[in-house]
Amino acid sequence: MPINHGRRLLLPSAARTATTASPVLRNRRHRGIQVVLVVTAASGTGGLTIHIQQVDRDSGNAIDLAVDAAVITATGTYGFQMAPGAGSATPLYLPTDFQVEVAHGDGSSYTYSLSCTLLE
């Protein structure tokens, strides 16, 4: 069973109209991540998607490792997990430098917070 090392708040609750990424985080020993997105106000258009991204330490560029297939358009609590054996055809491990991005489908407003739990 994965070990829970506490929930981290990545993005505090706020109204947003554009794609927003968490700060870049450094992973020293964890294999996976569970992400929770809490949407408290939704426009119902455009939608939100969760992206877990590897960040290149030299350039600062980010690439998608895992993207939640669900497009979120309503209020509620949503979860996404990336870890070895988490249902992916390719085992995905959490890289050393990573961020979580909430991508907006258009410029409509959503109010949400984003948190995560790192898994061993």
C-alpha atoms as a PDB file:
ATOM      1  CA  MET A   1       0.000   0.000   0.000  1.00  0.00           C
ATOM      2  CA  PRO A   2       1.352   3.482  -0.859  1.00  0.00           C
ATOM      3  CA  ILE A   3       2.556   5.619   1.997  1.00  0.00           C
ATOM      4  CA  ASN A   4       0.840   8.994   2.332  1.00  0.00           C
ATOM      5  CA  HIS A   5       3.276  11.816   3.092  1.00  0.00           C
ATOM      6  CA  GLY A   6       0.717  14.514   3.701  1.00  0.00           C
ATOM      7  CA  ARG A   7      -1.308  16.716   1.476  1.00  0.00           C
ATOM      8  CA  ARG A   8       0.351  19.770  -0.064  1.00  0.00           C
ATOM      9  CA  LEU A   9      -1.592  22.792  -1.240  1.00  0.00           C
ATOM     10  CA  LEU A  10      -0.320  23.616  -4.729  1.00  0.00           C
ATOM     11  CA  LEU A  11      -2.773  26.368  -5.731  1.00  0.00           C
ATOM     12  CA  PRO A  12      -5.006  28.137  -3.194  1.00  0.00           C
ATOM     13  CA  SER A  13      -8.654  28.691  -4.044  1.00  0.00           C
ATOM     14  CA  ALA A  14      -9.042  31.579  -6.489  1.00  0.00           C
ATOM     15  CA  ALA A  15     -10.957  32.539  -9.610  1.00  0.00           C
ATOM     16  CA  ARG A  16      -8.864  31.873 -12.721  1.00  0.00           C
ATOM     17  CA  THR A  17      -9.468  32.368 -16.444  1.00  0.00           C
ATOM     18  CA  ALA A  18      -6.222  30.950 -17.877  1.00  0.00           C
ATOM     19  CA  THR A  19      -4.069  27.837 -17.609  1.00  0.00           C
ATOM     20  CA  THR A  20      -2.195  27.846 -14.290  1.00  0.00           C
ATOM     21  CA  ALA A  21       0.718  25.689 -13.135  1.00  0.00           C
ATOM     22  CA  SER A  22       1.822  24.915  -9.609  1.00  0.00           C
ATOM     23  CA  PRO A  23       5.294  25.859  -8.460  1.00  0.00           C
ATOM     24  CA  VAL A  24       7.976  23.404  -9.577  1.00  0.00           C
ATOM     25  CA  LEU A  25       8.406  20.737  -6.915  1.00  0.00           C
ATOM     26  CA  ARG A  26      11.481  18.582  -6.201  1.00  0.00           C
ATOM     27  CA  ASN A  27      10.876  14.882  -5.692  1.00  0.00           C
ATOM     28  CA  ARG A  28      13.557  13.010  -3.779  1.00  0.00           C
ATOM     29  CA  ARG A  29      12.048   9.558  -3.143  1.00  0.00           C
ATOM     30  CA  HIS A  30       8.394   9.302  -4.141  1.00  0.00           C
ATOM     31  CA  ARG A  31       7.101   7.112  -6.963  1.00  0.00           C
ATOM     32  CA  GLY A  32       3.706   8.676  -7.607  1.00  0.00           C
ATOM     33  CA  ILE A  33       1.260  11.466  -6.953  1.00  0.00           C
ATOM     34  CA  GLN A  34      -2.446  11.845  -6.198  1.00  0.00           C
ATOM     35  CA  VAL A  35      -3.954  15.190  -7.197  1.00  0.00           C
ATOM     36  CA  VAL A  36      -7.222  16.698  -5.910  1.00  0.00           C
ATOM     37  CA  LEU A  37      -8.926  19.588  -7.701  1.00  0.00           C
ATOM     38  CA  VAL A  38     -11.792  21.263  -5.807  1.00  0.00           C
ATOM     39  CA  VAL A  39     -13.943  23.401  -8.111  1.00  0.00           C
ATOM     40  CA  THR A  40     -16.297  25.765  -6.255  1.00  0.00           C
ATOM     41  CA  ALA A  41     -17.474  27.928  -9.191  1.00  0.00           C
ATOM     42  CA  ALA A  42     -17.667  26.787 -12.807  1.00  0.00           C
ATOM     43  CA  SER A  43     -18.711  28.511 -15.999  1.00  0.00           C
ATOM     44  CA  GLY A  44     -19.705  25.214 -17.608  1.00  0.00           C
ATOM     45  CA  THR A  45     -17.829  26.006 -20.817  1.00  0.00           C
ATOM     46  CA  GLY A  46     -14.281  25.344 -21.951  1.00  0.00           C
ATOM     47  CA  GLY A  47     -13.514  22.995 -19.109  1.00  0.00           C
ATOM     48  CA  LEU A  48     -10.424  22.178 -17.076  1.00  0.00           C
ATOM     49  CA  THR A  49      -7.937  19.324 -17.473  1.00  0.00           C
ATOM     50  CA  ILE A  50      -5.198  18.203 -15.088  1.00  0.00           C
ATOM     51  CA  HIS A  51      -1.664  17.718 -16.431  1.00  0.00           C
ATOM     52  CA  ILE A  52       1.253  16.244 -14.487  1.00  0.00           C
ATOM     53  CA  GLN A  53       4.435  17.559 -16.071  1.00  0.00           C
ATOM     54  CA  GLN A  54       8.145  16.871 -15.892  1.00  0.00           C
ATOM     55  CA  VAL A  55      10.178  20.095 -15.707  1.00  0.00           C
ATOM     56  CA  ASP A  56      13.624  20.292 -17.264  1.00  0.00           C
ATOM     57  CA  ARG A  57      15.979  21.712 -14.646  1.00  0.00           C
ATOM     58  CA  ASP A  58      18.200  23.513 -17.177  1.00  0.00           C
ATOM     59  CA  SER A  59      15.620  25.159 -19.446  1.00  0.00           C
ATOM     60  CA  GLY A  60      12.580  25.289 -17.165  1.00  0.00           C
ATOM     61  CA  ASN A  61      10.471  23.792 -19.977  1.00  0.00           C
ATOM     62  CA  ALA A  62       7.676  21.417 -18.991  1.00  0.00           C
ATOM     63  CA  ILE A  63       6.386  18.342 -20.839  1.00  0.00           C
ATOM     64  CA  ASP A  64       3.234  16.357 -20.127  1.00  0.00           C
ATOM     65  CA  LEU A  65       3.751  12.959 -18.520  1.00  0.00           C
ATOM     66  CA  ALA A  66       0.104  12.266 -17.724  1.00  0.00           C
ATOM     67  CA  VAL A  67      -3.098  14.088 -18.657  1.00  0.00           C
ATOM     68  CA  ASP A  68      -6.458  13.299 -17.099  1.00  0.00           C
ATOM     69  CA  ALA A  69      -8.870  12.377 -19.895  1.00  0.00           C
ATOM     70  CA  ALA A  70     -11.801  13.968 -18.047  1.00  0.00           C
ATOM     71  CA  VAL A  71     -12.773  17.526 -18.957  1.00  0.00           C
ATOM     72  CA  ILE A  72     -14.169  19.214 -15.840  1.00  0.00           C
ATOM     73  CA  THR A  73     -17.029  21.680 -16.424  1.00  0.00           C
ATOM     74  CA  ALA A  74     -18.969  21.542 -13.124  1.00  0.00           C
ATOM     75  CA  THR A  75     -18.347  22.207  -9.441  1.00  0.00           C
ATOM     76  CA  GLY A  76     -17.163  19.283  -7.331  1.00  0.00           C
ATOM     77  CA  THR A  77     -14.098  17.444  -6.083  1.00  0.00           C
ATOM     78  CA  TYR A  78     -12.017  15.619  -8.696  1.00  0.00           C
ATOM     79  CA  GLY A  79      -9.038  13.317  -8.334  1.00  0.00           C
ATOM     80  CA  PHE A  80      -6.273  12.057 -10.601  1.00  0.00           C
ATOM     81  CA  GLN A  81      -3.356   9.736  -9.884  1.00  0.00           C
ATOM     82  CA  MET A  82      -0.070   9.019 -11.617  1.00  0.00           C
ATOM     83  CA  ALA A  83       1.917   6.105 -10.203  1.00  0.00           C
ATOM     84  CA  PRO A  84       3.300   2.766 -11.311  1.00  0.00           C
ATOM     85  CA  GLY A  85       0.390   0.351 -11.676  1.00  0.00           C
ATOM     86  CA  ALA A  86      -2.250   3.115 -11.583  1.00  0.00           C
ATOM     87  CA  GLY A  87      -4.033   1.836 -14.684  1.00  0.00           C
ATOM     88  CA  SER A  88      -1.597   3.123 -17.292  1.00  0.00           C
ATOM     89  CA  ALA A  89      -0.293   0.841 -20.036  1.00  0.00           C
ATOM     90  CA  THR A  90       3.141   2.394 -19.422  1.00  0.00           C
ATOM     91  CA  PRO A  91       4.355   2.550 -15.807  1.00  0.00           C
ATOM     92  CA  LEU A  92       4.804   6.208 -14.923  1.00  0.00           C
ATOM     93  CA  TYR A  93       7.064   7.294 -12.098  1.00  0.00           C
ATOM     94  CA  LEU A  94       7.135  10.767 -10.628  1.00  0.00           C
ATOM     95  CA  PRO A  95      10.221  12.598 -11.967  1.00  0.00           C
ATOM     96  CA  THR A  96      12.708  14.566  -9.874  1.00  0.00           C
ATOM     97  CA  ASP A  97      11.348  17.980 -10.951  1.00  0.00           C
ATOM     98  CA  PHE A  98       7.643  18.260 -11.678  1.00  0.00           C
ATOM     99  CA  GLN A  99       4.616  20.530 -11.603  1.00  0.00           C
ATOM    100  CA  VAL A 100       0.873  20.100 -11.895  1.00  0.00           C
ATOM    101  CA  GLU A 101      -0.950  22.265 -14.417  1.00  0.00           C
ATOM    102  CA  VAL A 102      -4.671  23.003 -14.654  1.00  0.00           C
ATOM    103  CA  ALA A 103      -5.360  23.761 -18.309  1.00  0.00           C
ATOM    104  CA  HIS A 104      -8.321  25.950 -19.260  1.00  0.00           C
ATOM    105  CA  GLY A 105     -10.211  25.160 -22.472  1.00  0.00           C
ATOM    106  CA  ASP A 106     -11.157  28.818 -22.963  1.00  0.00           C
ATOM    107  CA  GLY A 107     -11.120  32.131 -21.088  1.00  0.00           C
ATOM    108  CA  SER A 108     -14.156  31.471 -18.906  1.00  0.00           C
ATOM    109  CA  SER A 109     -13.810  31.735 -15.128  1.00  0.00           C
ATOM    110  CA  TYR A 110     -13.409  28.804 -12.738  1.00  0.00           C
ATOM    111  CA  THR A 111     -12.722  29.013  -9.009  1.00  0.00           C
ATOM    112  CA  TYR A 112     -10.663  26.098  -7.722  1.00  0.00           C
ATOM    113  CA  SER A 113      -7.903  24.896  -5.434  1.00  0.00           C
ATOM    114  CA  LEU A 114      -5.364  22.204  -6.235  1.00  0.00           C
ATOM    115  CA  SER A 115      -3.582  19.935  -3.751  1.00  0.00           C
ATOM    116  CA  CYS A 116      -1.534  16.753  -3.939  1.00  0.00           C
ATOM    117  CA  THR A 117      -0.262  13.819  -1.938  1.00  0.00           C
ATOM    118  CA  LEU A 118       3.074  12.208  -2.806  1.00  0.00           C
ATOM    119  CA  LEU A 119       3.202   8.400  -2.763  1.00  0.00           C
ATOM    120  CA  GLU A 120       6.104   6.028  -2.068  1.00  0.00           C
END
